[in-house]
């Protein structure tokens, strides 16, 4: 019981400590390290940052982000203006291929197109996430390859071995089938967890990453 209370309190303090998050309307529940965030925040970047802040807390093993973005009136943009702003942001980002497009509806931005790497897909989402008027980003971009993946799991394993954030002797393994890579094993922190996922998405030949890692804390 004490541990449950301590984790919830620690998450509450971390959210209050982070200047990028207005935590005044955020409610926190913790069940054995599984943290659930509910309530509202005034922007999509704060929605993302709140979950990131919760994951930084020792003892947190998973975060369910059920926050709603309620924009202030001054940040509202109609669908046409937000669609234009989103597409301009995509064009300005050199990592995002030309065929990626955005459409906005009631603050929800949907991304479509085809890319060759998971990092390009993530770059598109990041390009529009901070725009004024965004309430959510739905990433429907597909990943396609002209060539069959070759030794993808070996490449990912080598990347993990090189990573400063993944300790020597880690039991994390990467197995690939039809371009889908499954990550299993144990990590101690969310920073290590994110480093493993990042390494997997950077490999050529990966169209999906299945995260079966366990964060032990």
N, C-alpha and C. Protein backbone atom coordinates (compact mmCIF):
# COMPACT_ATOMS: atom_id res chain seq x y z
N UNK A 1 0.84 -1.20 0.00
CA UNK A 1 0.00 0.00 0.00
C UNK A 1 0.87 1.25 0.00
N UNK A 2 1.90 1.24 0.83
CA UNK A 2 2.79 2.38 0.90
C UNK A 2 3.49 2.63 -0.40
N UNK A 3 3.91 1.54 -1.09
CA UNK A 3 4.61 1.69 -2.37
C UNK A 3 3.70 2.29 -3.42
N UNK A 4 2.42 1.81 -3.42
CA UNK A 4 1.44 2.34 -4.37
C UNK A 4 1.28 3.84 -4.18
N UNK A 5 1.16 4.28 -2.91
CA UNK A 5 1.00 5.70 -2.62
C UNK A 5 2.25 6.48 -3.00
N UNK A 6 3.42 5.90 -2.75
CA UNK A 6 4.66 6.59 -3.05
C UNK A 6 4.81 6.85 -4.55
N UNK A 7 4.49 5.87 -5.38
CA UNK A 7 4.61 6.03 -6.84
C UNK A 7 3.66 7.11 -7.32
N UNK A 8 2.41 7.06 -6.87
CA UNK A 8 1.44 8.07 -7.31
C UNK A 8 1.90 9.46 -6.89
N UNK A 9 2.38 9.58 -5.66
CA UNK A 9 2.85 10.87 -5.17
C UNK A 9 4.06 11.35 -5.95
N UNK A 10 4.96 10.42 -6.27
CA UNK A 10 6.16 10.78 -7.02
C UNK A 10 5.80 11.26 -8.43
N UNK A 11 4.84 10.60 -9.06
CA UNK A 11 4.39 11.03 -10.39
C UNK A 11 3.76 12.41 -10.30
N UNK A 12 2.94 12.63 -9.28
CA UNK A 12 2.31 13.93 -9.08
C UNK A 12 3.36 15.03 -8.92
N UNK A 13 4.40 14.75 -8.16
CA UNK A 13 5.46 15.73 -7.96
C UNK A 13 6.25 15.97 -9.24
N UNK A 14 6.50 14.90 -10.01
CA UNK A 14 7.25 15.05 -11.26
C UNK A 14 6.47 15.89 -12.27
N UNK A 15 5.17 15.67 -12.35
CA UNK A 15 4.34 16.47 -13.25
C UNK A 15 4.32 17.94 -12.81
N UNK A 16 4.24 18.15 -11.50
CA UNK A 16 4.26 19.52 -11.00
C UNK A 16 5.61 20.18 -11.18
N UNK A 17 6.68 19.39 -11.18
CA UNK A 17 8.04 19.91 -11.32
C UNK A 17 8.35 20.29 -12.76
N UNK A 18 7.76 19.58 -13.73
CA UNK A 18 8.06 19.81 -15.15
C UNK A 18 7.38 21.10 -15.62
N UNK A 19 8.16 22.13 -16.01
CA UNK A 19 7.56 23.40 -16.42
C UNK A 19 6.80 23.31 -17.75
N UNK A 20 6.97 22.19 -18.46
CA UNK A 20 6.29 22.03 -19.75
C UNK A 20 4.89 21.45 -19.61
N UNK A 21 4.48 21.16 -18.37
CA UNK A 21 3.18 20.54 -18.14
C UNK A 21 2.38 21.36 -17.13
N UNK A 22 1.14 21.70 -17.50
CA UNK A 22 0.19 22.29 -16.54
C UNK A 22 -0.59 21.12 -15.94
N UNK A 23 -0.22 20.74 -14.72
CA UNK A 23 -0.78 19.54 -14.11
C UNK A 23 -1.99 19.81 -13.24
N UNK A 24 -2.51 21.02 -13.29
CA UNK A 24 -3.59 21.40 -12.37
C UNK A 24 -4.86 20.58 -12.57
N UNK A 25 -5.09 20.07 -13.79
CA UNK A 25 -6.31 19.30 -14.06
C UNK A 25 -6.00 17.84 -14.39
N UNK A 26 -4.83 17.35 -13.97
CA UNK A 26 -4.44 15.97 -14.21
C UNK A 26 -4.68 15.13 -12.96
N UNK A 27 -5.33 13.98 -13.15
CA UNK A 27 -5.55 13.03 -12.06
C UNK A 27 -4.70 11.79 -12.31
N UNK A 28 -4.15 11.23 -11.25
CA UNK A 28 -3.21 10.12 -11.35
C UNK A 28 -3.72 8.94 -10.54
N UNK A 29 -3.71 7.76 -11.18
CA UNK A 29 -4.00 6.52 -10.47
C UNK A 29 -2.83 5.58 -10.69
N UNK A 30 -2.49 4.80 -9.67
CA UNK A 30 -1.40 3.84 -9.77
C UNK A 30 -1.83 2.50 -9.22
N UNK A 31 -1.62 1.46 -10.03
CA UNK A 31 -1.90 0.09 -9.59
C UNK A 31 -0.65 -0.74 -9.82
N UNK A 32 0.17 -0.86 -8.79
CA UNK A 32 1.36 -1.69 -8.89
C UNK A 32 2.34 -1.24 -9.95
N UNK A 33 2.46 0.07 -10.15
CA UNK A 33 3.39 0.59 -11.15
C UNK A 33 2.74 0.93 -12.48
N UNK A 34 1.49 0.50 -12.68
CA UNK A 34 0.75 0.86 -13.88
C UNK A 34 0.01 2.17 -13.61
N UNK A 35 0.48 3.23 -14.23
CA UNK A 35 -0.03 4.57 -13.96
C UNK A 35 -1.05 4.98 -15.03
N UNK A 36 -2.17 5.51 -14.58
CA UNK A 36 -3.22 5.97 -15.48
C UNK A 36 -3.40 7.47 -15.30
N UNK A 37 -3.26 8.23 -16.38
CA UNK A 37 -3.43 9.68 -16.35
C UNK A 37 -4.78 10.04 -16.95
N UNK A 38 -5.59 10.80 -16.22
CA UNK A 38 -6.86 11.29 -16.72
C UNK A 38 -6.96 12.78 -16.42
N UNK A 39 -7.97 13.42 -17.01
CA UNK A 39 -8.13 14.86 -16.85
C UNK A 39 -7.86 15.58 -18.15
N UNK A 40 -7.43 16.83 -18.06
CA UNK A 40 -7.23 17.64 -19.27
C UNK A 40 -5.91 18.39 -19.22
N UNK A 41 -5.40 18.69 -20.42
CA UNK A 41 -4.25 19.58 -20.60
C UNK A 41 -4.58 20.52 -21.76
N UNK A 42 -3.93 21.70 -21.82
CA UNK A 42 -4.31 22.70 -22.81
C UNK A 42 -3.61 22.59 -24.17
N UNK A 43 -2.76 21.56 -24.39
CA UNK A 43 -2.10 21.44 -25.69
C UNK A 43 -1.65 20.01 -25.90
N UNK A 44 -1.45 19.65 -27.18
CA UNK A 44 -1.00 18.30 -27.49
C UNK A 44 0.43 18.04 -27.01
N UNK A 45 1.37 18.99 -27.14
CA UNK A 45 2.69 18.75 -26.56
C UNK A 45 2.64 18.45 -25.07
N UNK A 46 1.73 19.09 -24.33
CA UNK A 46 1.60 18.80 -22.91
C UNK A 46 1.04 17.39 -22.69
N UNK A 47 0.17 16.95 -23.57
CA UNK A 47 -0.35 15.58 -23.53
C UNK A 47 0.80 14.58 -23.62
N UNK A 48 1.72 14.82 -24.57
CA UNK A 48 2.87 13.93 -24.75
C UNK A 48 3.84 14.04 -23.59
N UNK A 49 4.10 15.26 -23.13
CA UNK A 49 5.09 15.49 -22.09
C UNK A 49 4.63 14.93 -20.75
N UNK A 50 3.34 14.95 -20.49
CA UNK A 50 2.83 14.41 -19.23
C UNK A 50 3.14 12.92 -19.12
N UNK A 51 2.94 12.19 -20.19
CA UNK A 51 3.24 10.76 -20.18
C UNK A 51 4.74 10.54 -20.04
N UNK A 52 5.54 11.36 -20.73
CA UNK A 52 7.00 11.23 -20.63
C UNK A 52 7.47 11.49 -19.21
N UNK A 53 6.88 12.48 -18.55
CA UNK A 53 7.25 12.80 -17.17
C UNK A 53 6.91 11.64 -16.24
N UNK A 54 5.74 11.04 -16.44
CA UNK A 54 5.34 9.91 -15.61
C UNK A 54 6.29 8.73 -15.78
N UNK A 55 6.74 8.50 -17.01
CA UNK A 55 7.64 7.38 -17.27
C UNK A 55 9.01 7.57 -16.63
N UNK A 56 9.37 8.81 -16.33
CA UNK A 56 10.67 9.07 -15.71
C UNK A 56 10.72 8.64 -14.24
N UNK A 57 9.59 8.39 -13.64
CA UNK A 57 9.53 8.12 -12.20
C UNK A 57 9.89 6.67 -11.91
N UNK A 58 10.76 6.48 -10.96
CA UNK A 58 11.15 5.13 -10.54
C UNK A 58 9.95 4.38 -10.01
N UNK A 59 9.79 3.12 -10.44
CA UNK A 59 8.67 2.30 -10.01
C UNK A 59 7.53 2.26 -10.99
N UNK A 60 7.53 3.15 -11.99
CA UNK A 60 6.49 3.15 -13.01
C UNK A 60 6.86 2.14 -14.08
N UNK A 61 5.96 1.17 -14.34
CA UNK A 61 6.21 0.14 -15.34
C UNK A 61 5.43 0.35 -16.63
N UNK A 62 4.32 1.08 -16.57
CA UNK A 62 3.56 1.41 -17.77
C UNK A 62 2.72 2.66 -17.51
N UNK A 63 2.40 3.37 -18.59
CA UNK A 63 1.61 4.59 -18.48
C UNK A 63 0.47 4.54 -19.48
N UNK A 64 -0.76 4.64 -18.99
CA UNK A 64 -1.94 4.77 -19.85
C UNK A 64 -2.32 6.25 -19.89
N UNK A 65 -2.14 6.86 -21.05
CA UNK A 65 -2.40 8.29 -21.17
C UNK A 65 -3.82 8.51 -21.69
N UNK A 66 -4.73 8.80 -20.77
CA UNK A 66 -6.13 9.06 -21.12
C UNK A 66 -6.48 10.53 -20.95
N UNK A 67 -5.48 11.39 -21.03
CA UNK A 67 -5.72 12.83 -20.95
C UNK A 67 -6.46 13.32 -22.19
N UNK A 68 -7.27 14.33 -22.02
CA UNK A 68 -7.93 15.00 -23.15
C UNK A 68 -7.31 16.37 -23.33
N UNK A 69 -7.13 16.78 -24.58
CA UNK A 69 -6.60 18.11 -24.89
C UNK A 69 -7.77 19.07 -25.07
N UNK A 70 -7.86 20.05 -24.20
CA UNK A 70 -8.89 21.09 -24.30
C UNK A 70 -8.19 22.40 -24.60
N UNK A 71 -8.27 22.82 -25.86
CA UNK A 71 -7.56 24.01 -26.29
C UNK A 71 -8.21 25.28 -25.77
N UNK A 72 -7.43 26.27 -25.36
CA UNK A 72 -8.00 27.59 -25.07
C UNK A 72 -8.52 28.21 -26.37
N UNK A 73 -9.49 29.09 -26.26
CA UNK A 73 -10.10 29.70 -27.45
C UNK A 73 -9.06 30.36 -28.35
N UNK A 74 -8.02 30.93 -27.75
CA UNK A 74 -7.01 31.65 -28.54
C UNK A 74 -6.19 30.72 -29.42
N UNK A 75 -6.17 29.40 -29.11
CA UNK A 75 -5.38 28.44 -29.88
C UNK A 75 -6.19 27.70 -30.94
N UNK A 76 -7.48 27.98 -31.01
CA UNK A 76 -8.31 27.26 -31.97
C UNK A 76 -7.98 27.68 -33.40
N UNK A 77 -7.88 26.69 -34.31
CA UNK A 77 -7.72 26.95 -35.75
C UNK A 77 -8.78 26.15 -36.50
N UNK A 78 -9.35 26.77 -37.55
CA UNK A 78 -10.32 26.01 -38.33
C UNK A 78 -9.59 24.95 -39.16
N UNK A 79 -10.35 24.02 -39.74
CA UNK A 79 -9.77 22.87 -40.42
C UNK A 79 -8.84 23.27 -41.57
N UNK A 80 -9.24 24.27 -42.34
CA UNK A 80 -8.45 24.69 -43.51
C UNK A 80 -7.10 25.26 -43.08
N UNK A 81 -7.12 26.14 -42.08
CA UNK A 81 -5.88 26.76 -41.62
C UNK A 81 -4.93 25.74 -40.99
N UNK A 82 -5.49 24.82 -40.20
CA UNK A 82 -4.64 23.82 -39.55
C UNK A 82 -4.08 22.82 -40.57
N UNK A 83 -4.89 22.45 -41.55
CA UNK A 83 -4.40 21.56 -42.61
C UNK A 83 -3.25 22.21 -43.37
N UNK A 84 -3.40 23.48 -43.68
CA UNK A 84 -2.33 24.21 -44.39
C UNK A 84 -1.07 24.28 -43.55
N UNK A 85 -1.23 24.62 -42.28
CA UNK A 85 -0.08 24.73 -41.39
C UNK A 85 0.63 23.38 -41.24
N UNK A 86 -0.13 22.31 -41.14
CA UNK A 86 0.45 20.97 -40.98
C UNK A 86 1.23 20.56 -42.22
N UNK A 87 0.67 20.79 -43.40
CA UNK A 87 1.37 20.42 -44.63
C UNK A 87 2.61 21.28 -44.85
N UNK A 88 2.56 22.54 -44.46
CA UNK A 88 3.75 23.40 -44.55
C UNK A 88 4.86 22.87 -43.62
N UNK A 89 4.47 22.40 -42.44
CA UNK A 89 5.45 21.87 -41.49
C UNK A 89 6.09 20.59 -42.04
N UNK A 90 5.30 19.77 -42.71
CA UNK A 90 5.84 18.54 -43.31
C UNK A 90 6.82 18.86 -44.42
N UNK A 91 6.48 19.83 -45.26
CA UNK A 91 7.37 20.23 -46.36
C UNK A 91 8.68 20.80 -45.83
N UNK A 92 8.60 21.53 -44.72
CA UNK A 92 9.79 22.17 -44.16
C UNK A 92 10.74 21.19 -43.50
N UNK A 93 10.25 19.99 -43.16
CA UNK A 93 11.09 19.00 -42.49
C UNK A 93 11.77 18.11 -43.54
N UNK A 94 13.10 18.20 -43.62
CA UNK A 94 13.84 17.50 -44.67
C UNK A 94 13.82 15.99 -44.49
N UNK A 95 13.46 15.51 -43.30
CA UNK A 95 13.42 14.06 -43.07
C UNK A 95 12.15 13.43 -43.61
N UNK A 96 11.10 14.22 -43.81
CA UNK A 96 9.80 13.69 -44.23
C UNK A 96 9.71 13.64 -45.75
N UNK A 97 9.43 12.47 -46.35
CA UNK A 97 9.29 12.36 -47.80
C UNK A 97 8.16 13.23 -48.35
N UNK A 98 8.26 13.59 -49.63
CA UNK A 98 7.32 14.52 -50.25
C UNK A 98 5.89 13.99 -50.30
N UNK A 99 5.71 12.67 -50.31
CA UNK A 99 4.35 12.13 -50.50
C UNK A 99 3.51 12.11 -49.22
N UNK A 100 4.10 12.50 -48.09
CA UNK A 100 3.35 12.51 -46.83
C UNK A 100 2.45 13.74 -46.78
N UNK A 101 1.19 13.54 -46.41
CA UNK A 101 0.23 14.64 -46.37
C UNK A 101 -0.54 14.63 -45.05
N UNK A 102 -1.11 15.79 -44.73
CA UNK A 102 -1.88 15.94 -43.50
C UNK A 102 -3.26 16.52 -43.81
N UNK A 103 -4.26 16.05 -43.05
CA UNK A 103 -5.61 16.61 -43.12
C UNK A 103 -6.08 16.81 -41.69
N UNK A 104 -6.64 17.99 -41.41
CA UNK A 104 -7.10 18.30 -40.05
C UNK A 104 -8.62 18.33 -39.98
N UNK A 105 -9.15 17.81 -38.89
CA UNK A 105 -10.59 17.88 -38.65
C UNK A 105 -10.81 18.05 -37.15
N UNK A 106 -11.35 19.19 -36.77
CA UNK A 106 -11.63 19.50 -35.37
C UNK A 106 -10.40 19.33 -34.49
N UNK A 107 -9.24 19.76 -35.00
CA UNK A 107 -8.01 19.69 -34.23
C UNK A 107 -7.29 18.37 -34.30
N UNK A 108 -7.90 17.37 -34.92
CA UNK A 108 -7.26 16.06 -35.09
C UNK A 108 -6.58 16.00 -36.45
N UNK A 109 -5.25 15.82 -36.44
CA UNK A 109 -4.47 15.81 -37.68
C UNK A 109 -4.17 14.36 -38.07
N UNK A 110 -4.61 13.97 -39.27
CA UNK A 110 -4.35 12.64 -39.79
C UNK A 110 -3.25 12.70 -40.83
N UNK A 111 -2.22 11.86 -40.66
CA UNK A 111 -1.09 11.81 -41.57
C UNK A 111 -1.20 10.56 -42.44
N UNK A 112 -0.99 10.73 -43.75
CA UNK A 112 -1.02 9.60 -44.67
C UNK A 112 0.17 9.68 -45.62
N UNK A 113 0.47 8.59 -46.29
CA UNK A 113 1.58 8.53 -47.23
C UNK A 113 2.38 7.26 -47.02
N UNK A 114 3.50 7.18 -47.73
CA UNK A 114 4.36 6.00 -47.65
C UNK A 114 5.80 6.45 -47.43
N UNK A 115 6.49 5.82 -46.46
CA UNK A 115 7.89 6.14 -46.16
C UNK A 115 8.70 4.85 -46.15
N UNK A 116 10.01 4.99 -46.06
CA UNK A 116 10.89 3.82 -46.09
C UNK A 116 11.45 3.45 -44.73
N UNK A 117 11.34 4.35 -43.75
CA UNK A 117 11.89 4.09 -42.42
C UNK A 117 10.91 4.53 -41.34
N UNK A 118 10.97 3.84 -40.22
CA UNK A 118 10.16 4.25 -39.08
C UNK A 118 10.54 5.62 -38.57
N UNK A 119 11.83 5.98 -38.73
CA UNK A 119 12.26 7.30 -38.28
C UNK A 119 11.61 8.41 -39.10
N UNK A 120 11.34 8.15 -40.39
CA UNK A 120 10.65 9.14 -41.22
C UNK A 120 9.20 9.29 -40.78
N UNK A 121 8.59 8.19 -40.42
CA UNK A 121 7.21 8.21 -39.94
C UNK A 121 7.11 9.01 -38.64
N UNK A 122 8.06 8.79 -37.74
CA UNK A 122 8.08 9.52 -36.48
C UNK A 122 8.36 11.00 -36.70
N UNK A 123 9.23 11.32 -37.66
CA UNK A 123 9.56 12.72 -37.94
C UNK A 123 8.34 13.48 -38.42
N UNK A 124 7.48 12.82 -39.19
CA UNK A 124 6.27 13.47 -39.67
C UNK A 124 5.35 13.82 -38.50
N UNK A 125 5.20 12.89 -37.57
CA UNK A 125 4.35 13.14 -36.40
C UNK A 125 4.92 14.27 -35.55
N UNK A 126 6.23 14.26 -35.38
CA UNK A 126 6.87 15.32 -34.58
C UNK A 126 6.75 16.69 -35.24
N UNK A 127 6.74 16.70 -36.57
CA UNK A 127 6.68 17.97 -37.31
C UNK A 127 5.38 18.72 -37.06
N UNK A 128 4.29 17.98 -36.84
CA UNK A 128 2.98 18.63 -36.68
C UNK A 128 2.52 18.68 -35.22
N UNK A 129 3.17 17.92 -34.35
CA UNK A 129 2.69 17.78 -32.97
C UNK A 129 2.64 19.10 -32.22
N UNK A 130 3.58 20.00 -32.49
CA UNK A 130 3.66 21.24 -31.74
C UNK A 130 2.91 22.41 -32.33
N UNK A 131 2.17 22.18 -33.41
CA UNK A 131 1.45 23.29 -34.05
C UNK A 131 0.27 23.75 -33.20
N UNK A 132 0.06 25.04 -33.18
CA UNK A 132 -1.09 25.60 -32.48
C UNK A 132 -2.38 25.07 -33.09
N UNK A 133 -3.28 24.59 -32.25
CA UNK A 133 -4.56 24.09 -32.74
C UNK A 133 -4.66 22.58 -32.81
N UNK A 134 -3.54 21.87 -32.61
CA UNK A 134 -3.55 20.41 -32.68
C UNK A 134 -4.05 19.80 -31.37
N UNK A 135 -5.05 18.93 -31.48
CA UNK A 135 -5.56 18.22 -30.31
C UNK A 135 -5.08 16.77 -30.28
N UNK A 136 -4.79 16.21 -31.44
CA UNK A 136 -4.31 14.84 -31.51
C UNK A 136 -3.68 14.62 -32.88
N UNK A 137 -2.79 13.63 -32.97
CA UNK A 137 -2.16 13.27 -34.24
C UNK A 137 -2.41 11.80 -34.48
N UNK A 138 -3.08 11.49 -35.59
CA UNK A 138 -3.33 10.11 -35.98
C UNK A 138 -2.38 9.77 -37.12
N UNK A 139 -1.42 8.91 -36.84
CA UNK A 139 -0.37 8.59 -37.79
C UNK A 139 -0.73 7.34 -38.58
N UNK A 140 -1.22 7.53 -39.80
CA UNK A 140 -1.61 6.41 -40.66
C UNK A 140 -0.62 6.22 -41.82
N UNK A 141 0.59 6.74 -41.65
CA UNK A 141 1.63 6.60 -42.68
C UNK A 141 2.08 5.15 -42.74
N UNK A 142 2.22 4.62 -43.95
CA UNK A 142 2.66 3.25 -44.14
C UNK A 142 4.16 3.20 -44.40
N UNK A 143 4.77 2.08 -44.00
CA UNK A 143 6.19 1.87 -44.26
C UNK A 143 6.33 0.78 -45.29
N UNK A 144 7.04 1.07 -46.38
CA UNK A 144 7.17 0.12 -47.48
C UNK A 144 8.61 0.04 -47.93
N UNK A 145 9.02 -1.15 -48.39
CA UNK A 145 10.40 -1.37 -48.83
C UNK A 145 10.41 -2.02 -50.20
N UNK A 146 11.37 -1.60 -51.03
CA UNK A 146 11.56 -2.22 -52.33
C UNK A 146 12.29 -3.55 -52.22
N UNK A 147 13.10 -3.69 -51.18
CA UNK A 147 13.90 -4.90 -50.97
C UNK A 147 13.44 -5.63 -49.72
N UNK A 148 13.62 -6.95 -49.73
CA UNK A 148 13.30 -7.73 -48.54
C UNK A 148 14.32 -7.43 -47.44
N UNK A 149 13.88 -7.37 -46.19
CA UNK A 149 14.81 -7.14 -45.09
C UNK A 149 15.87 -8.25 -45.03
N UNK A 150 17.09 -7.86 -44.76
CA UNK A 150 18.19 -8.82 -44.66
C UNK A 150 18.87 -8.63 -43.31
N UNK A 151 18.85 -9.69 -42.51
CA UNK A 151 19.53 -9.68 -41.22
C UNK A 151 19.13 -8.49 -40.35
N UNK A 152 17.83 -8.15 -40.37
CA UNK A 152 17.37 -7.00 -39.60
C UNK A 152 17.61 -7.21 -38.11
N UNK A 153 17.29 -8.41 -37.62
CA UNK A 153 17.45 -8.65 -36.19
C UNK A 153 18.91 -8.56 -35.78
N UNK A 154 19.83 -9.00 -36.67
CA UNK A 154 21.26 -8.88 -36.36
C UNK A 154 21.67 -7.41 -36.30
N UNK A 155 21.19 -6.62 -37.23
CA UNK A 155 21.53 -5.19 -37.25
C UNK A 155 21.02 -4.50 -35.99
N UNK A 156 19.81 -4.85 -35.55
CA UNK A 156 19.25 -4.25 -34.35
C UNK A 156 20.05 -4.68 -33.13
N UNK A 157 20.40 -5.97 -33.07
CA UNK A 157 21.16 -6.47 -31.92
C UNK A 157 22.51 -5.76 -31.83
N UNK A 158 23.14 -5.52 -32.98
CA UNK A 158 24.41 -4.81 -32.98
C UNK A 158 24.23 -3.36 -32.53
N UNK A 159 23.12 -2.75 -32.92
CA UNK A 159 22.83 -1.37 -32.49
C UNK A 159 22.63 -1.32 -30.98
N UNK A 160 21.98 -2.34 -30.42
CA UNK A 160 21.78 -2.39 -28.97
C UNK A 160 23.11 -2.55 -28.25
N UNK A 161 23.99 -3.35 -28.82
CA UNK A 161 25.30 -3.55 -28.22
C UNK A 161 26.11 -2.25 -28.21
N UNK A 162 25.88 -1.40 -29.21
CA UNK A 162 26.61 -0.13 -29.29
C UNK A 162 26.03 0.94 -28.38
N UNK A 163 24.75 0.79 -28.00
CA UNK A 163 24.05 1.85 -27.28
C UNK A 163 24.60 2.05 -25.87
N UNK A 164 24.85 3.29 -25.53
CA UNK A 164 25.33 3.64 -24.19
C UNK A 164 24.25 3.39 -23.14
N UNK A 165 22.98 3.48 -23.54
CA UNK A 165 21.89 3.36 -22.58
C UNK A 165 21.50 1.92 -22.29
N UNK A 166 21.96 0.98 -23.12
CA UNK A 166 21.64 -0.43 -22.89
C UNK A 166 22.84 -1.10 -22.24
N UNK A 167 22.70 -1.58 -21.01
CA UNK A 167 23.85 -2.11 -20.28
C UNK A 167 24.39 -3.41 -20.87
N UNK A 168 25.66 -3.65 -20.66
CA UNK A 168 26.26 -4.92 -21.08
C UNK A 168 25.57 -6.07 -20.34
N UNK A 169 25.38 -7.17 -21.05
CA UNK A 169 24.72 -8.31 -20.43
C UNK A 169 23.21 -8.23 -20.47
N UNK A 170 22.65 -7.24 -21.16
CA UNK A 170 21.20 -7.12 -21.27
C UNK A 170 20.62 -8.35 -21.97
N UNK A 171 19.44 -8.81 -21.50
CA UNK A 171 18.81 -9.98 -22.12
C UNK A 171 17.82 -9.61 -23.21
N UNK A 172 17.84 -8.35 -23.65
CA UNK A 172 16.93 -7.92 -24.71
C UNK A 172 17.30 -8.61 -26.02
N UNK A 173 16.31 -9.17 -26.68
CA UNK A 173 16.54 -9.81 -27.97
C UNK A 173 15.58 -9.25 -29.01
N UNK A 174 16.00 -9.32 -30.27
CA UNK A 174 15.19 -8.82 -31.39
C UNK A 174 15.03 -9.93 -32.41
N UNK A 175 13.79 -10.27 -32.70
CA UNK A 175 13.52 -11.30 -33.70
C UNK A 175 12.62 -10.72 -34.79
N UNK A 176 12.94 -11.02 -36.06
CA UNK A 176 12.24 -10.43 -37.18
C UNK A 176 11.55 -11.49 -38.05
N UNK A 177 10.33 -11.18 -38.45
CA UNK A 177 9.62 -12.02 -39.41
C UNK A 177 8.78 -11.12 -40.30
N UNK A 178 9.02 -11.19 -41.60
CA UNK A 178 8.28 -10.38 -42.58
C UNK A 178 8.32 -8.89 -42.25
N UNK A 179 9.48 -8.42 -41.80
CA UNK A 179 9.64 -7.01 -41.52
C UNK A 179 9.09 -6.54 -40.20
N UNK A 180 8.49 -7.46 -39.43
CA UNK A 180 7.97 -7.13 -38.10
C UNK A 180 8.97 -7.60 -37.07
N UNK A 181 9.49 -6.69 -36.27
CA UNK A 181 10.50 -7.04 -35.27
C UNK A 181 9.86 -7.06 -33.89
N UNK A 182 10.10 -8.14 -33.17
CA UNK A 182 9.55 -8.30 -31.82
C UNK A 182 10.68 -8.19 -30.81
N UNK A 183 10.52 -7.28 -29.87
CA UNK A 183 11.52 -7.05 -28.83
C UNK A 183 11.06 -7.69 -27.54
N UNK A 184 11.91 -8.52 -26.96
CA UNK A 184 11.60 -9.16 -25.69
C UNK A 184 12.79 -8.99 -24.73
N UNK A 185 12.54 -9.22 -23.46
CA UNK A 185 13.59 -9.09 -22.46
C UNK A 185 13.23 -8.06 -21.41
N UNK A 186 14.21 -7.74 -20.58
CA UNK A 186 13.97 -6.85 -19.45
C UNK A 186 14.85 -5.61 -19.54
N UNK A 187 14.26 -4.45 -19.20
CA UNK A 187 15.02 -3.20 -19.10
C UNK A 187 14.75 -2.60 -17.73
N UNK A 188 15.69 -1.81 -17.25
CA UNK A 188 15.57 -1.26 -15.89
C UNK A 188 14.84 0.08 -15.86
N UNK A 189 14.97 0.86 -16.93
CA UNK A 189 14.40 2.21 -16.94
C UNK A 189 13.68 2.47 -18.26
N UNK A 190 12.86 3.53 -18.27
CA UNK A 190 12.19 3.91 -19.50
C UNK A 190 13.17 4.50 -20.51
N UNK A 191 14.26 5.08 -20.03
CA UNK A 191 15.29 5.58 -20.95
C UNK A 191 15.91 4.42 -21.72
N UNK A 192 16.17 3.33 -21.02
CA UNK A 192 16.70 2.13 -21.68
C UNK A 192 15.66 1.56 -22.65
N UNK A 193 14.41 1.52 -22.20
CA UNK A 193 13.30 1.05 -23.04
C UNK A 193 13.21 1.84 -24.34
N UNK A 194 13.24 3.18 -24.23
CA UNK A 194 13.12 4.03 -25.41
C UNK A 194 14.33 3.89 -26.33
N UNK A 195 15.51 3.65 -25.74
CA UNK A 195 16.72 3.46 -26.55
C UNK A 195 16.61 2.19 -27.38
N UNK A 196 16.04 1.14 -26.79
CA UNK A 196 15.87 -0.13 -27.51
C UNK A 196 14.88 0.05 -28.67
N UNK A 197 13.75 0.71 -28.40
CA UNK A 197 12.77 0.94 -29.46
C UNK A 197 13.35 1.82 -30.57
N UNK A 198 14.10 2.84 -30.17
CA UNK A 198 14.70 3.72 -31.17
C UNK A 198 15.66 2.98 -32.08
N UNK A 199 16.45 2.08 -31.50
CA UNK A 199 17.39 1.30 -32.30
C UNK A 199 16.65 0.40 -33.29
N UNK A 200 15.54 -0.18 -32.85
CA UNK A 200 14.76 -1.06 -33.72
C UNK A 200 14.16 -0.29 -34.90
N UNK A 201 13.61 0.89 -34.63
CA UNK A 201 12.98 1.66 -35.70
C UNK A 201 13.98 2.21 -36.71
N UNK A 202 15.24 2.35 -36.33
CA UNK A 202 16.24 2.90 -37.24
C UNK A 202 16.77 1.86 -38.24
N UNK A 203 16.50 0.59 -37.99
CA UNK A 203 17.01 -0.45 -38.87
C UNK A 203 16.24 -0.49 -40.19
N UNK A 204 16.99 -0.70 -41.28
CA UNK A 204 16.35 -0.85 -42.59
C UNK A 204 15.63 -2.19 -42.63
N UNK A 205 14.40 -2.19 -43.10
CA UNK A 205 13.64 -3.43 -43.20
C UNK A 205 12.57 -3.58 -42.15
N UNK A 206 12.45 -2.65 -41.23
CA UNK A 206 11.45 -2.75 -40.16
C UNK A 206 10.19 -2.00 -40.55
N UNK A 207 9.06 -2.70 -40.62
CA UNK A 207 7.78 -2.04 -40.92
C UNK A 207 6.90 -1.93 -39.67
N UNK A 208 7.24 -2.70 -38.65
CA UNK A 208 6.48 -2.63 -37.39
C UNK A 208 7.38 -3.13 -36.26
N UNK A 209 7.24 -2.51 -35.09
CA UNK A 209 7.98 -2.95 -33.91
C UNK A 209 6.96 -3.35 -32.84
N UNK A 210 7.05 -4.60 -32.40
CA UNK A 210 6.18 -5.09 -31.34
C UNK A 210 6.96 -5.04 -30.02
N UNK A 211 6.46 -4.25 -29.13
CA UNK A 211 7.15 -3.99 -27.86
C UNK A 211 6.64 -4.95 -26.80
N UNK A 212 7.44 -5.97 -26.51
CA UNK A 212 7.12 -6.92 -25.45
C UNK A 212 8.16 -6.84 -24.32
N UNK A 213 8.83 -5.69 -24.24
CA UNK A 213 9.82 -5.47 -23.20
C UNK A 213 9.15 -5.30 -21.84
N UNK A 214 9.83 -5.72 -20.80
CA UNK A 214 9.33 -5.53 -19.44
C UNK A 214 10.23 -4.53 -18.71
N UNK A 215 9.61 -3.47 -18.20
CA UNK A 215 10.35 -2.47 -17.43
C UNK A 215 10.31 -2.89 -15.96
N UNK A 216 11.47 -3.23 -15.43
CA UNK A 216 11.51 -3.76 -14.06
C UNK A 216 11.65 -2.69 -13.01
N UNK A 217 12.14 -1.49 -13.41
CA UNK A 217 12.27 -0.39 -12.46
C UNK A 217 13.47 -0.54 -11.55
